[in-house]
Amino acid sequence: MARILFDLDGTLVHSTPTLAATGNTVLAGLGRAPLDLATVTGFVGKGVRVLVQRMLAASGGVPGDDVTPHLEHFRTLYAADPLTGTEPYPGVPAALAALAAAGHGLAVCTQKPNEPALSILRGRQLMPPVAGFTGGDSIAGVLKPDPRMVAHAAGQLPPGVILFVGDSETDAATAEAAGVPFLLYTEGYRHAPVEDLPHVARFSDFAELPALVAEVLAEPA
């Protein structure tokens, strides 16, 4: 059996509508026009501080070169309602249930702050079957692609081979840094061509994932 670690945003859930709405509320408070969804999607993947910093930079600059008050404003708004506009990708609940039924341990490894990430996982009935969790606040000062994120998430599950499932350049780099196989979900927030991301398998439909995991585990090491 395997320990399967999942990214959250762009992998298990489509969350940019919520992130964009929250960030645009911050911008509105500064008298700035909203950014479109495609632009905000391009800013996701390196943690909430980078997201807010990029949104400020794209809309006129970071006031006083200090992102902190705007980051805290974003965090407060987002924590109040991380669910509206955020939904699992098609097939995610069934795939997670099938993997858990097959005996695999499931965990999430995300840059998102712990509180809203856990609210999404529980509010969208993904936890359980997800049992382990490592978020942006779990290890002080540590975010993906640092392999300590992988070790922290995997350490909450029963022993087994580790697989990492994600959608982005950061996720591919995380799996590579941790020395674990990477399975690429191609319909998330990736910017580079699929061929540029090292992966052992890729899929566009979560209905494919349980069989794909079985195939990867059956391959010689």
Protein backbone atom coordinates (compact mmCIF):
# COMPACT_ATOMS: atom_id res chain seq x y z
CA MET A 1 0.00 0.00 0.00
CA ALA A 2 1.09 3.58 -0.60
CA ARG A 3 1.08 6.91 1.16
CA ILE A 4 -0.44 9.28 -1.41
CA LEU A 5 0.12 12.99 -0.86
CA PHE A 6 -2.03 15.53 -2.71
CA ASP A 7 -1.61 19.19 -3.38
CA LEU A 8 -4.84 21.11 -2.73
CA ASP A 9 -5.33 24.19 -4.94
CA GLY A 10 -5.41 23.23 -8.59
CA THR A 11 -5.27 19.51 -7.76
CA LEU A 12 -8.12 18.49 -5.48
CA VAL A 13 -10.06 21.77 -5.64
CA HIS A 14 -10.59 24.67 -8.03
CA SER A 15 -10.10 27.56 -5.63
CA THR A 16 -8.97 30.54 -7.70
CA PRO A 17 -12.46 32.09 -7.91
CA THR A 18 -12.41 32.43 -4.11
CA LEU A 19 -8.79 33.59 -3.98
CA ALA A 20 -9.41 36.16 -6.71
CA ALA A 21 -12.55 37.50 -5.02
CA THR A 22 -10.72 37.85 -1.72
CA GLY A 23 -7.70 39.54 -3.26
CA ASN A 24 -9.89 41.89 -5.26
CA THR A 25 -11.64 42.95 -2.07
CA VAL A 26 -8.24 43.91 -0.70
CA LEU A 27 -7.52 45.86 -3.88
CA ALA A 28 -10.92 47.59 -3.74
CA GLY A 29 -10.02 48.85 -0.27
CA LEU A 30 -7.03 50.55 -1.87
CA GLY A 31 -9.19 52.08 -4.59
CA ARG A 32 -7.85 49.72 -7.26
CA ALA A 33 -9.63 47.89 -10.07
CA PRO A 34 -10.04 44.11 -9.81
CA LEU A 35 -7.73 41.65 -11.55
CA ASP A 36 -9.25 38.99 -13.79
CA LEU A 37 -9.34 35.32 -12.90
CA ALA A 38 -6.66 34.29 -15.41
CA THR A 39 -4.21 36.82 -13.97
CA VAL A 40 -4.79 35.68 -10.40
CA THR A 41 -4.48 32.04 -11.40
CA GLY A 42 -1.00 32.83 -12.66
CA PHE A 43 -0.07 34.05 -9.17
CA VAL A 44 -1.11 30.88 -7.29
CA GLY A 45 1.27 28.20 -6.09
CA LYS A 46 3.93 29.80 -3.92
CA GLY A 47 1.91 30.63 -0.84
CA VAL A 48 -0.49 33.37 0.18
CA ARG A 49 2.21 36.02 0.80
CA VAL A 50 3.43 35.71 -2.78
CA LEU A 51 -0.15 35.75 -4.08
CA VAL A 52 -0.97 39.00 -2.28
CA GLN A 53 2.37 40.55 -3.22
CA ARG A 54 1.84 39.71 -6.89
CA MET A 55 -1.72 41.05 -6.90
CA LEU A 56 -0.54 44.31 -5.37
CA ALA A 57 2.37 44.58 -7.79
CA ALA A 58 0.11 43.95 -10.78
CA SER A 59 -2.42 46.57 -9.72
CA GLY A 60 -0.07 49.47 -9.02
CA GLY A 61 2.61 48.33 -6.64
CA VAL A 62 3.00 47.30 -3.00
CA PRO A 63 2.10 50.33 -0.85
CA GLY A 64 5.13 51.42 1.15
CA ASP A 65 6.90 48.26 -0.01
CA ASP A 66 5.24 46.46 2.90
CA VAL A 67 2.93 43.58 2.02
CA THR A 68 2.24 42.60 5.64
CA PRO A 69 -0.90 44.68 6.42
CA HIS A 70 -2.47 43.67 3.12
CA LEU A 71 -1.54 40.05 3.70
CA GLU A 72 -3.23 40.14 7.09
CA HIS A 73 -6.31 41.75 5.54
CA PHE A 74 -6.42 38.98 2.93
CA ARG A 75 -5.98 36.27 5.58
CA THR A 76 -8.82 37.67 7.69
CA LEU A 77 -11.19 37.89 4.73
CA TYR A 78 -10.28 34.48 3.38
CA ALA A 79 -10.51 32.72 6.74
CA ALA A 80 -14.06 34.07 7.15
CA ASP A 81 -15.24 32.25 4.00
CA PRO A 82 -12.81 29.97 2.15
CA LEU A 83 -15.60 27.78 0.74
CA THR A 84 -17.80 29.98 -1.46
CA GLY A 85 -16.60 29.52 -5.03
CA THR A 86 -14.26 26.61 -4.20
CA GLU A 87 -15.29 23.13 -5.33
CA PRO A 88 -13.58 19.75 -5.82
CA TYR A 89 -12.65 18.91 -9.38
CA PRO A 90 -14.97 16.35 -11.00
CA GLY A 91 -14.31 12.83 -9.78
CA VAL A 92 -12.19 13.82 -6.78
CA PRO A 93 -14.46 12.49 -3.98
CA ALA A 94 -14.95 9.14 -5.75
CA ALA A 95 -11.23 8.78 -6.50
CA LEU A 96 -10.24 9.50 -2.90
CA ALA A 97 -12.83 7.03 -1.63
CA ALA A 98 -11.58 4.34 -4.01
CA LEU A 99 -7.94 4.87 -3.02
CA ALA A 100 -8.78 4.73 0.67
CA ALA A 101 -10.88 1.59 0.14
CA ALA A 102 -7.86 0.00 -1.56
CA GLY A 103 -5.89 0.54 1.64
CA HIS A 104 -3.81 3.57 0.71
CA GLY A 105 -3.14 6.35 3.20
CA LEU A 106 -4.10 9.82 1.97
CA ALA A 107 -2.74 13.22 3.01
CA VAL A 108 -2.76 16.78 1.73
CA CYS A 109 0.42 18.84 1.40
CA THR A 110 -0.40 22.46 0.56
CA GLN A 111 1.00 25.98 0.74
CA LYS A 112 -2.42 27.25 1.88
CA PRO A 113 -2.65 28.40 5.51
CA ASN A 114 -3.86 25.63 7.77
CA GLU A 115 -7.20 27.02 8.91
CA PRO A 116 -8.80 27.71 5.51
CA ALA A 117 -7.26 24.57 4.00
CA LEU A 118 -8.78 22.38 6.69
CA SER A 119 -12.10 24.22 6.38
CA ILE A 120 -12.16 23.37 2.66
CA LEU A 121 -11.22 19.73 3.18
CA ARG A 122 -13.87 19.24 5.84
CA GLY A 123 -16.49 21.50 4.28
CA ARG A 124 -16.25 19.69 0.95
CA GLN A 125 -16.26 16.24 2.63
CA LEU A 126 -12.74 15.34 1.53
CA MET A 127 -11.44 14.78 5.07
CA PRO A 128 -12.01 11.91 5.65
CA PRO A 129 -10.94 9.99 3.56
CA VAL A 130 -7.92 12.33 3.67
CA ALA A 131 -6.28 11.54 7.00
CA GLY A 132 -3.02 13.51 7.06
CA PHE A 133 -2.40 17.20 6.58
CA THR A 134 0.52 19.58 6.16
CA GLY A 135 -0.25 23.21 5.40
CA GLY A 136 1.48 26.52 5.05
CA ASP A 137 1.57 27.05 8.81
CA SER A 138 2.52 23.49 9.81
CA ILE A 139 6.30 24.01 9.77
CA ALA A 140 7.43 27.54 10.58
CA GLY A 141 9.07 29.19 7.57
CA VAL A 142 8.86 26.06 5.41
CA LEU A 143 6.88 25.73 2.18
CA LYS A 144 7.06 23.49 -0.89
CA PRO A 145 9.32 22.57 -2.64
CA ASP A 146 11.12 21.95 0.66
CA PRO A 147 11.03 18.15 1.12
CA ARG A 148 10.30 18.59 4.82
CA MET A 149 6.71 19.25 3.77
CA VAL A 150 6.56 15.78 2.23
CA ALA A 151 8.15 14.14 5.25
CA HIS A 152 5.73 15.89 7.61
CA ALA A 153 2.66 14.81 5.63
CA ALA A 154 3.84 11.25 5.01
CA GLY A 155 4.79 10.83 8.65
CA GLN A 156 1.11 11.04 9.61
CA LEU A 157 0.24 7.94 7.56
CA PRO A 158 0.97 4.22 7.97
CA PRO A 159 4.21 3.00 6.37
CA GLY A 160 4.29 2.61 2.61
CA VAL A 161 5.72 3.91 -0.63
CA ILE A 162 5.20 7.66 -1.03
CA LEU A 163 3.55 9.10 -4.16
CA PHE A 164 2.94 12.80 -4.74
CA VAL A 165 -0.02 14.02 -6.80
CA GLY A 166 -0.07 17.65 -7.94
CA ASP A 167 -0.69 20.04 -10.79
CA SER A 168 2.15 22.53 -10.85
CA GLU A 169 5.83 23.27 -11.29
CA THR A 170 6.12 23.66 -7.51
CA ASP A 171 4.58 20.24 -6.94
CA ALA A 172 6.90 18.60 -9.45
CA ALA A 173 9.89 20.25 -7.78
CA THR A 174 8.64 19.12 -4.36
CA ALA A 175 8.40 15.49 -5.44
CA GLU A 176 11.82 15.70 -7.05
CA ALA A 177 13.39 17.22 -3.93
CA ALA A 178 11.85 14.48 -1.79
CA GLY A 179 12.87 11.72 -4.22
CA VAL A 180 9.33 10.41 -4.67
CA PRO A 181 7.32 9.62 -7.85
CA PHE A 182 5.18 12.48 -9.14
CA LEU A 183 1.76 12.03 -10.74
CA LEU A 184 0.69 15.13 -12.67
CA TYR A 185 -2.91 16.33 -12.86
CA THR A 186 -2.93 18.24 -16.13
CA GLU A 187 -6.08 20.34 -15.62
CA GLY A 188 -4.89 22.53 -12.73
CA TYR A 189 -2.81 25.69 -12.48
CA ARG A 190 0.35 24.60 -14.30
CA HIS A 191 2.05 27.23 -16.49
CA ALA A 192 4.79 25.21 -18.24
CA PRO A 193 4.14 22.54 -20.87
CA VAL A 194 3.42 19.08 -19.48
CA GLU A 195 6.66 17.78 -20.99
CA ASP A 196 8.70 20.27 -18.94
CA LEU A 197 7.55 18.81 -15.62
CA PRO A 198 9.22 15.57 -14.52
CA HIS A 199 6.53 12.97 -13.79
CA VAL A 200 6.03 9.21 -13.83
CA ALA A 201 2.41 9.48 -14.96
CA ARG A 202 -0.17 12.09 -15.85
CA PHE A 203 -3.95 12.24 -15.94
CA SER A 204 -6.71 14.67 -16.85
CA ASP A 205 -9.64 12.90 -15.19
CA PHE A 206 -9.68 11.77 -11.55
CA ALA A 207 -11.59 8.66 -12.58
CA GLU A 208 -8.25 7.49 -14.02
CA LEU A 209 -6.28 7.95 -10.82
CA PRO A 210 -6.95 4.72 -8.85
CA ALA A 211 -5.89 2.52 -11.79
CA LEU A 212 -2.94 4.81 -12.50
CA VAL A 213 -1.72 4.49 -8.91
CA ALA A 214 -1.96 0.70 -9.18
CA GLU A 215 0.10 0.80 -12.39
CA VAL A 216 2.80 3.00 -10.87
CA LEU A 217 3.06 0.79 -7.80
CA ALA A 218 3.33 -2.32 -9.98
CA GLU A 219 6.30 -0.95 -11.90
CA PRO A 220 9.77 -2.13 -10.87
CA ALA A 221 11.58 0.34 -8.62
